[in-house]
PDB file of N, CA and C in Angstrom:
ATOM      1  N   MET A   1     -10.478  -0.782   8.856  1.00  0.00           N
ATOM      2  CA  MET A   1     -10.005  -1.510   9.898  1.00  0.00           C
ATOM      3  C   MET A   1      -9.510  -0.463  11.169  1.00  0.00           C
ATOM      4  N   TYR A   2      -8.647   0.425  10.538  1.00  0.00           N
ATOM      5  CA  TYR A   2      -7.989   1.237  11.649  1.00  0.00           C
ATOM      6  C   TYR A   2      -8.789   2.221  12.181  1.00  0.00           C
ATOM      7  N   ARG A   3      -9.847   2.789  11.170  1.00  0.00           N
ATOM      8  CA  ARG A   3     -10.909   3.733  11.749  1.00  0.00           C
ATOM      9  C   ARG A   3     -11.809   2.868  12.692  1.00  0.00           C
ATOM     10  N   GLY A   4     -12.197   1.496  12.533  1.00  0.00           N
ATOM     11  CA  GLY A   4     -13.164   0.869  13.397  1.00  0.00           C
ATOM     12  C   GLY A   4     -12.452   0.827  14.802  1.00  0.00           C
ATOM     13  N   LEU A   5     -11.185   0.398  14.926  1.00  0.00           N
ATOM     14  CA  LEU A   5     -10.586   0.224  15.963  1.00  0.00           C
ATOM     15  C   LEU A   5     -10.474   1.463  16.628  1.00  0.00           C
ATOM     16  N   TRP A   6     -10.056   2.536  15.975  1.00  0.00           N
ATOM     17  CA  TRP A   6      -9.924   3.836  16.653  1.00  0.00           C
ATOM     18  C   TRP A   6     -11.187   4.352  17.234  1.00  0.00           C
ATOM     19  N   ASN A   7     -12.512   4.194  16.598  1.00  0.00           N
ATOM     20  CA  ASN A   7     -13.665   4.528  16.999  1.00  0.00           C
ATOM     21  C   ASN A   7     -14.103   3.726  18.332  1.00  0.00           C
ATOM     22  N   PHE A   8     -13.791   2.293  18.327  1.00  0.00           N
ATOM     23  CA  PHE A   8     -14.033   1.560  19.382  1.00  0.00           C
ATOM     24  C   PHE A   8     -13.330   1.932  20.712  1.00  0.00           C
ATOM     25  N   ILE A   9     -11.984   2.350  20.453  1.00  0.00           N
ATOM     26  CA  ILE A   9     -11.043   2.710  21.600  1.00  0.00           C
ATOM     27  C   ILE A   9     -11.596   4.177  22.096  1.00  0.00           C
ATOM     28  N   THR A  10     -11.860   4.936  21.184  1.00  0.00           N
ATOM     29  CA  THR A  10     -12.237   6.374  21.708  1.00  0.00           C
ATOM     30  C   THR A  10     -13.693   6.244  22.330  1.00  0.00           C
ATOM     31  N   LYS A  11     -14.368   5.369  21.958  1.00  0.00           N
ATOM     32  CA  LYS A  11     -15.682   5.157  22.640  1.00  0.00           C
ATOM     33  C   LYS A  11     -15.737   4.880  24.223  1.00  0.00           C
ATOM     34  N   TYR A  12     -14.462   4.315  24.616  1.00  0.00           N
ATOM     35  CA  TYR A  12     -14.399   3.919  25.990  1.00  0.00           C
ATOM     36  C   TYR A  12     -13.324   4.732  26.676  1.00  0.00           C
ATOM     37  N   THR A  13     -12.652   5.504  25.973  1.00  0.00           N
ATOM     38  CA  THR A  13     -11.590   6.301  26.539  1.00  0.00           C
ATOM     39  C   THR A  13     -11.563   7.693  26.077  1.00  0.00           C
ATOM     40  N   ASP A  14     -10.847   8.793  26.639  1.00  0.00           N
ATOM     41  CA  ASP A  14     -10.772   9.944  25.900  1.00  0.00           C
ATOM     42  C   ASP A  14      -9.659   9.877  25.149  1.00  0.00           C
ATOM     43  N   GLU A  15      -9.627  10.957  24.137  1.00  0.00           N
ATOM     44  CA  GLU A  15      -8.653  10.903  22.919  1.00  0.00           C
ATOM     45  C   GLU A  15      -7.252  11.086  23.432  1.00  0.00           C
ATOM     46  N   SER A  16      -6.935  11.641  24.513  1.00  0.00           N
ATOM     47  CA  SER A  16      -5.558  11.717  25.005  1.00  0.00           C
ATOM     48  C   SER A  16      -4.842  10.416  25.333  1.00  0.00           C
ATOM     49  N   HIS A  17      -5.671   9.369  25.899  1.00  0.00           N
ATOM     50  CA  HIS A  17      -5.389   8.114  26.210  1.00  0.00           C
ATOM     51  C   HIS A  17      -5.431   7.099  25.149  1.00  0.00           C
ATOM     52  N   ALA A  18      -6.317   7.439  24.173  1.00  0.00           N
ATOM     53  CA  ALA A  18      -6.668   6.453  23.134  1.00  0.00           C
ATOM     54  C   ALA A  18      -5.352   6.108  22.279  1.00  0.00           C
ATOM     55  N   VAL A  19      -4.517   7.255  22.107  1.00  0.00           N
ATOM     56  CA  VAL A  19      -3.324   6.830  21.265  1.00  0.00           C
ATOM     57  C   VAL A  19      -2.384   5.735  21.981  1.00  0.00           C
ATOM     58  N   SER A  20      -2.221   5.725  23.186  1.00  0.00           N
ATOM     59  CA  SER A  20      -1.233   4.976  24.071  1.00  0.00           C
ATOM     60  C   SER A  20      -2.044   3.635  24.074  1.00  0.00           C
ATOM     61  N   ILE A  21      -3.245   3.569  23.764  1.00  0.00           N
ATOM     62  CA  ILE A  21      -3.890   2.102  23.605  1.00  0.00           C
ATOM     63  C   ILE A  21      -3.775   1.736  22.243  1.00  0.00           C
ATOM     64  N   PHE A  22      -4.169   2.489  21.351  1.00  0.00           N
ATOM     65  CA  PHE A  22      -4.297   2.229  19.869  1.00  0.00           C
ATOM     66  C   PHE A  22      -2.999   1.578  19.278  1.00  0.00           C
ATOM     67  N   LEU A  23      -1.842   2.332  19.411  1.00  0.00           N
ATOM     68  CA  LEU A  23      -0.619   1.718  18.835  1.00  0.00           C
ATOM     69  C   LEU A  23      -0.057   0.448  19.304  1.00  0.00           C
ATOM     70  N   PRO A  24      -0.160   0.109  20.610  1.00  0.00           N
ATOM     71  CA  PRO A  24       0.256  -1.218  20.893  1.00  0.00           C
ATOM     72  C   PRO A  24      -0.687  -2.183  20.431  1.00  0.00           C
ATOM     73  N   VAL A  25      -2.103  -1.973  20.407  1.00  0.00           N
ATOM     74  CA  VAL A  25      -3.105  -2.924  20.057  1.00  0.00           C
ATOM     75  C   VAL A  25      -2.727  -3.197  18.561  1.00  0.00           C
ATOM     76  N   MET A  26      -2.457  -2.195  17.677  1.00  0.00           N
ATOM     77  CA  MET A  26      -2.029  -2.471  16.324  1.00  0.00           C
ATOM     78  C   MET A  26      -0.820  -3.165  16.208  1.00  0.00           C
ATOM     79  N   ILE A  27       0.042  -2.918  16.883  1.00  0.00           N
ATOM     80  CA  ILE A  27       1.351  -3.679  16.799  1.00  0.00           C
ATOM     81  C   ILE A  27       1.149  -5.099  17.128  1.00  0.00           C
ATOM     82  N   MET A  28       0.400  -5.276  18.238  1.00  0.00           N
ATOM     83  CA  MET A  28       0.270  -6.734  18.699  1.00  0.00           C
ATOM     84  C   MET A  28      -0.640  -7.527  17.603  1.00  0.00           C
ATOM     85  N   GLY A  29      -1.725  -6.663  17.075  1.00  0.00           N
ATOM     86  CA  GLY A  29      -2.519  -7.446  16.194  1.00  0.00           C
ATOM     87  C   GLY A  29      -1.726  -7.886  14.860  1.00  0.00           C
ATOM     88  N   TRP A  30      -0.970  -6.912  14.373  1.00  0.00           N
ATOM     89  CA  TRP A  30      -0.438  -7.224  13.038  1.00  0.00           C
ATOM     90  C   TRP A  30       0.847  -8.186  13.249  1.00  0.00           C
ATOM     91  N   THR A  31       1.236  -8.104  14.424  1.00  0.00           N
ATOM     92  CA  THR A  31       2.350  -9.335  14.762  1.00  0.00           C
ATOM     93  C   THR A  31       1.840 -10.627  14.860  1.00  0.00           C
ATOM     94  N   LEU A  32       0.629 -10.650  15.441  1.00  0.00           N
ATOM     95  CA  LEU A  32      -0.167 -12.137  15.500  1.00  0.00           C
ATOM     96  C   LEU A  32      -0.570 -12.470  14.141  1.00  0.00           C
ATOM     97  N   ALA A  33      -0.985 -11.539  13.370  1.00  0.00           N
ATOM     98  CA  ALA A  33      -1.469 -11.863  12.022  1.00  0.00           C
ATOM     99  C   ALA A  33      -0.214 -12.340  11.094  1.00  0.00           C
ATOM    100  N   GLY A  34       0.943 -11.773  11.214  1.00  0.00           N
ATOM    101  CA  GLY A  34       1.885 -12.301  10.517  1.00  0.00           C
ATOM    102  C   GLY A  34       2.480 -13.573  10.883  1.00  0.00           C
ATOM    103  N   LEU A  35       2.356 -13.794  12.135  1.00  0.00           N
ATOM    104  CA  LEU A  35       2.694 -15.138  12.915  1.00  0.00           C
ATOM    105  C   LEU A  35       1.663 -16.206  12.269  1.00  0.00           C
ATOM    106  N   ALA A  36       0.434 -15.808  12.320  1.00  0.00           N
ATOM    107  CA  ALA A  36      -0.610 -16.709  11.762  1.00  0.00           C
ATOM    108  C   ALA A  36      -0.354 -17.042  10.319  1.00  0.00           C
ATOM    109  N   ILE A  37      -0.146 -16.108   9.628  1.00  0.00           N
ATOM    110  CA  ILE A  37       0.203 -16.481   8.098  1.00  0.00           C
ATOM    111  C   ILE A  37       1.281 -17.243   7.859  1.00  0.00           C
ATOM    112  N   GLY A  38       2.202 -17.023   8.550  1.00  0.00           N
ATOM    113  CA  GLY A  38       3.518 -17.713   8.602  1.00  0.00           C
ATOM    114  C   GLY A  38       3.416 -19.122   9.070  1.00  0.00           C
ATOM    115  N   LEU A  39       2.426 -19.436  10.016  1.00  0.00           N
ATOM    116  CA  LEU A  39       2.107 -20.745  10.270  1.00  0.00           C
ATOM    117  C   LEU A  39       1.227 -21.583   9.372  1.00  0.00           C
ATOM    118  N   VAL A  40       0.461 -20.727   8.757  1.00  0.00           N
ATOM    119  CA  VAL A  40      -0.281 -21.251   7.466  1.00  0.00           C
ATOM    120  C   VAL A  40       0.655 -21.833   6.486  1.00  0.00           C
ATOM    121  N   VAL A  41       1.400 -20.880   6.169  1.00  0.00           N
ATOM    122  CA  VAL A  41       2.442 -21.232   4.892  1.00  0.00           C
ATOM    123  C   VAL A  41       3.262 -22.348   5.375  1.00  0.00           C
ATOM    124  N   CYS A  42       3.856 -22.454   6.626  1.00  0.00           N
ATOM    125  CA  CYS A  42       4.535 -23.606   6.952  1.00  0.00           C
ATOM    126  C   CYS A  42       3.588 -24.947   6.833  1.00  0.00           C
ATOM    127  N   ALA A  43       2.427 -24.786   7.287  1.00  0.00           N
ATOM    128  CA  ALA A  43       1.591 -26.004   7.322  1.00  0.00           C
ATOM    129  C   ALA A  43       1.093 -26.362   5.830  1.00  0.00           C
ATOM    130  N   CYS A  44       1.073 -25.458   5.039  1.00  0.00           N
ATOM    131  CA  CYS A  44       0.881 -25.724   3.387  1.00  0.00           C
ATOM    132  C   CYS A  44       1.992 -26.206   2.741  1.00  0.00           C
ATOM    133  N   THR A  45       3.269 -25.920   3.106  1.00  0.00           N
ATOM    134  CA  THR A  45       4.521 -26.348   2.549  1.00  0.00           C
ATOM    135  C   THR A  45       5.186 -27.466   3.065  1.00  0.00           C
ATOM    136  N   GLY A  46       4.719 -27.889   4.442  1.00  0.00           N
ATOM    137  CA  GLY A  46       5.282 -28.969   5.054  1.00  0.00           C
ATOM    138  C   GLY A  46       6.415 -28.816   5.683  1.00  0.00           C
ATOM    139  N   THR A  47       6.785 -27.449   5.920  1.00  0.00           N
ATOM    140  CA  THR A  47       8.183 -27.122   6.598  1.00  0.00           C
ATOM    141  C   THR A  47       7.937 -27.147   8.105  1.00  0.00           C
ATOM    142  N   GLY A  48       8.882 -27.718   8.927  1.00  0.00           N
ATOM    143  CA  GLY A  48       8.885 -27.885  10.285  1.00  0.00           C
ATOM    144  C   GLY A  48       8.951 -26.403  10.875  1.00  0.00           C
ATOM    145  N   ILE A  49       7.890 -26.278  11.911  1.00  0.00           N
ATOM    146  CA  ILE A  49       7.718 -24.979  12.662  1.00  0.00           C
ATOM    147  C   ILE A  49       9.027 -24.783  13.505  1.00  0.00           C
ATOM    148  N   MET A  50       9.792 -25.609  13.964  1.00  0.00           N
ATOM    149  CA  MET A  50      10.932 -25.459  14.761  1.00  0.00           C
ATOM    150  C   MET A  50      11.976 -25.070  13.841  1.00  0.00           C
ATOM    151  N   ALA A  51      12.012 -25.513  12.591  1.00  0.00           N
ATOM    152  CA  ALA A  51      13.103 -25.182  11.589  1.00  0.00           C
ATOM    153  C   ALA A  51      12.813 -23.796  11.079  1.00  0.00           C
ATOM    154  N   ALA A  52      11.687 -23.352  11.076  1.00  0.00           N
ATOM    155  CA  ALA A  52      11.259 -21.995  10.504  1.00  0.00           C
ATOM    156  C   ALA A  52      11.063 -21.042  11.529  1.00  0.00           C
ATOM    157  N   LEU A  53      11.385 -21.349  12.909  1.00  0.00           N
ATOM    158  CA  LEU A  53      10.917 -20.379  13.850  1.00  0.00           C
ATOM    159  C   LEU A  53      11.542 -18.984  13.901  1.00  0.00           C
ATOM    160  N   ALA A  54      12.827 -18.884  13.541  1.00  0.00           N
ATOM    161  CA  ALA A  54      13.451 -17.679  13.430  1.00  0.00           C
ATOM    162  C   ALA A  54      12.625 -16.757  12.281  1.00  0.00           C
ATOM    163  N   ASP A  55      12.321 -17.330  11.119  1.00  0.00           N
ATOM    164  CA  ASP A  55      11.719 -16.702  10.156  1.00  0.00           C
ATOM    165  C   ASP A  55      10.262 -16.351  10.395  1.00  0.00           C
ATOM    166  N   LEU A  56       9.708 -17.056  11.214  1.00  0.00           N
ATOM    167  CA  LEU A  56       8.495 -16.752  11.743  1.00  0.00           C
ATOM    168  C   LEU A  56       8.473 -15.450  12.586  1.00  0.00           C
ATOM    169  N   ILE A  57       9.350 -15.511  13.400  1.00  0.00           N
ATOM    170  CA  ILE A  57       9.349 -14.510  14.434  1.00  0.00           C
ATOM    171  C   ILE A  57       9.760 -13.156  13.806  1.00  0.00           C
ATOM    172  N   CYS A  58      10.637 -13.204  12.793  1.00  0.00           N
ATOM    173  CA  CYS A  58      11.207 -12.143  11.980  1.00  0.00           C
ATOM    174  C   CYS A  58      10.027 -11.568  11.222  1.00  0.00           C
ATOM    175  N   ALA A  59       9.156 -12.401  10.426  1.00  0.00           N
ATOM    176  CA  ALA A  59       8.170 -12.019   9.850  1.00  0.00           C
ATOM    177  C   ALA A  59       6.980 -11.321  10.504  1.00  0.00           C
ATOM    178  N   GLY A  60       6.760 -11.935  11.839  1.00  0.00           N
ATOM    179  CA  GLY A  60       5.718 -11.372  12.576  1.00  0.00           C
ATOM    180  C   GLY A  60       6.131  -9.926  13.217  1.00  0.00           C
ATOM    181  N   GLY A  61       7.515  -9.910  13.457  1.00  0.00           N
ATOM    182  CA  GLY A  61       7.955  -8.616  13.911  1.00  0.00           C
ATOM    183  C   GLY A  61       8.071  -7.519  13.009  1.00  0.00           C
ATOM    184  N   TYR A  62       8.361  -7.979  11.830  1.00  0.00           N
ATOM    185  CA  TYR A  62       8.163  -6.906  10.676  1.00  0.00           C
ATOM    186  C   TYR A  62       6.826  -6.361  10.323  1.00  0.00           C
ATOM    187  N   ALA A  63       5.967  -7.362  10.522  1.00  0.00           N
ATOM    188  CA  ALA A  63       4.630  -7.074  10.078  1.00  0.00           C
ATOM    189  C   ALA A  63       4.051  -6.033  11.270  1.00  0.00           C
ATOM    190  N   GLY A  64       4.416  -6.548  12.427  1.00  0.00           N
ATOM    191  CA  GLY A  64       4.039  -5.643  13.531  1.00  0.00           C
ATOM    192  C   GLY A  64       4.443  -4.217  13.658  1.00  0.00           C
ATOM    193  N   LEU A  65       5.920  -3.953  12.956  1.00  0.00           N
ATOM    194  CA  LEU A  65       6.472  -2.726  13.002  1.00  0.00           C
ATOM    195  C   LEU A  65       5.974  -2.078  11.872  1.00  0.00           C
ATOM    196  N   ILE A  66       5.976  -2.529  10.820  1.00  0.00           N
ATOM    197  CA  ILE A  66       5.599  -1.705   9.390  1.00  0.00           C
ATOM    198  C   ILE A  66       4.378  -1.416   9.328  1.00  0.00           C
ATOM    199  N   LEU A  67       3.345  -2.437   9.441  1.00  0.00           N
ATOM    200  CA  LEU A  67       1.814  -2.313   9.333  1.00  0.00           C
ATOM    201  C   LEU A  67       1.230  -1.889  10.642  1.00  0.00           C
ATOM    202  N   GLY A  68       1.777  -2.293  11.763  1.00  0.00           N
ATOM    203  CA  GLY A  68       1.076  -1.758  13.052  1.00  0.00           C
ATOM    204  C   GLY A  68       1.517  -0.289  13.546  1.00  0.00           C
ATOM    205  N   LEU A  69       2.774  -0.211  13.628  1.00  0.00           N
ATOM    206  CA  LEU A  69       3.374   0.977  14.154  1.00  0.00           C
ATOM    207  C   LEU A  69       3.346   2.091  13.198  1.00  0.00           C
ATOM    208  N   PHE A  70       3.879   1.798  12.103  1.00  0.00           N
ATOM    209  CA  PHE A  70       3.907   2.952  11.021  1.00  0.00           C
ATOM    210  C   PHE A  70       2.550   3.258  10.310  1.00  0.00           C
ATOM    211  N   GLY A  71       1.892   1.985  10.098  1.00  0.00           N
ATOM    212  CA  GLY A  71       0.539   2.316   9.659  1.00  0.00           C
ATOM    213  C   GLY A  71      -0.317   3.149  10.526  1.00  0.00           C
ATOM    214  N   GLY A  72      -0.168   2.661  11.977  1.00  0.00           N
ATOM    215  CA  GLY A  72      -1.000   3.365  13.038  1.00  0.00           C
ATOM    216  C   GLY A  72      -0.764   4.943  13.129  1.00  0.00           C
ATOM    217  N   CYS A  73       0.703   5.176  13.123  1.00  0.00           N
ATOM    218  CA  CYS A  73       1.053   6.538  12.983  1.00  0.00           C
ATOM    219  C   CYS A  73       0.634   7.238  12.015  1.00  0.00           C
ATOM    220  N   PHE A  74       0.755   6.929  10.602  1.00  0.00           N
ATOM    221  CA  PHE A  74       0.079   7.410   9.521  1.00  0.00           C
ATOM    222  C   PHE A  74      -1.425   7.687   9.629  1.00  0.00           C
ATOM    223  N   PHE A  75      -2.011   6.685  10.095  1.00  0.00           N
ATOM    224  CA  PHE A  75      -3.534   6.879  10.338  1.00  0.00           C
ATOM    225  C   PHE A  75      -3.734   8.052  11.346  1.00  0.00           C
ATOM    226  N   LEU A  76      -3.006   8.154  12.480  1.00  0.00           N
ATOM    227  CA  LEU A  76      -3.265   9.304  13.520  1.00  0.00           C
ATOM    228  C   LEU A  76      -2.893  10.392  12.806  1.00  0.00           C
ATOM    229  N   TYR A  77      -1.744  10.538  12.181  1.00  0.00           N
ATOM    230  CA  TYR A  77      -1.378  11.820  11.490  1.00  0.00           C
ATOM    231  C   TYR A  77      -2.424  12.106  10.540  1.00  0.00           C
ATOM    232  N   ARG A  78      -3.168  11.203   9.684  1.00  0.00           N
ATOM    233  CA  ARG A  78      -4.136  11.508   8.639  1.00  0.00           C
ATOM    234  C   ARG A  78      -5.390  12.218   9.319  1.00  0.00           C
ATOM    235  N   ILE A  79      -5.756  11.598  10.508  1.00  0.00           N
ATOM    236  CA  ILE A  79      -6.937  12.049  11.243  1.00  0.00           C
ATOM    237  C   ILE A  79      -6.654  13.458  11.977  1.00  0.00           C
ATOM    238  N   GLY A  80      -5.439  13.688  12.346  1.00  0.00           N
ATOM    239  CA  GLY A  80      -5.060  14.883  12.920  1.00  0.00           C
ATOM    240  C   GLY A  80      -5.111  14.844  14.467  1.00  0.00           C
ATOM    241  N   VAL A  81      -4.705  13.639  14.883  1.00  0.00           N
ATOM    242  CA  VAL A  81      -4.516  13.678  16.406  1.00  0.00           C
ATOM    243  C   VAL A  81      -3.151  13.992  16.892  1.00  0.00           C
TER     244      VAL A  81
END
């Protein structure tokens, strides 16, 4: 997934600008994925979204930070950018 997104971004931009596009896209993607998973869990358990709003935002933020930012940085480090 990381490689596919990197190849797509570098296809349309040069490598010096690709990093500044890649990391925010990764952060937003993982944040939205974390929120979506949290909403599915709330729907399955019958928990009200307003009651779990702080937990949803926290889970989405951590997913974006850990998997998006740190995962993206480790990926860029591994490919040598």
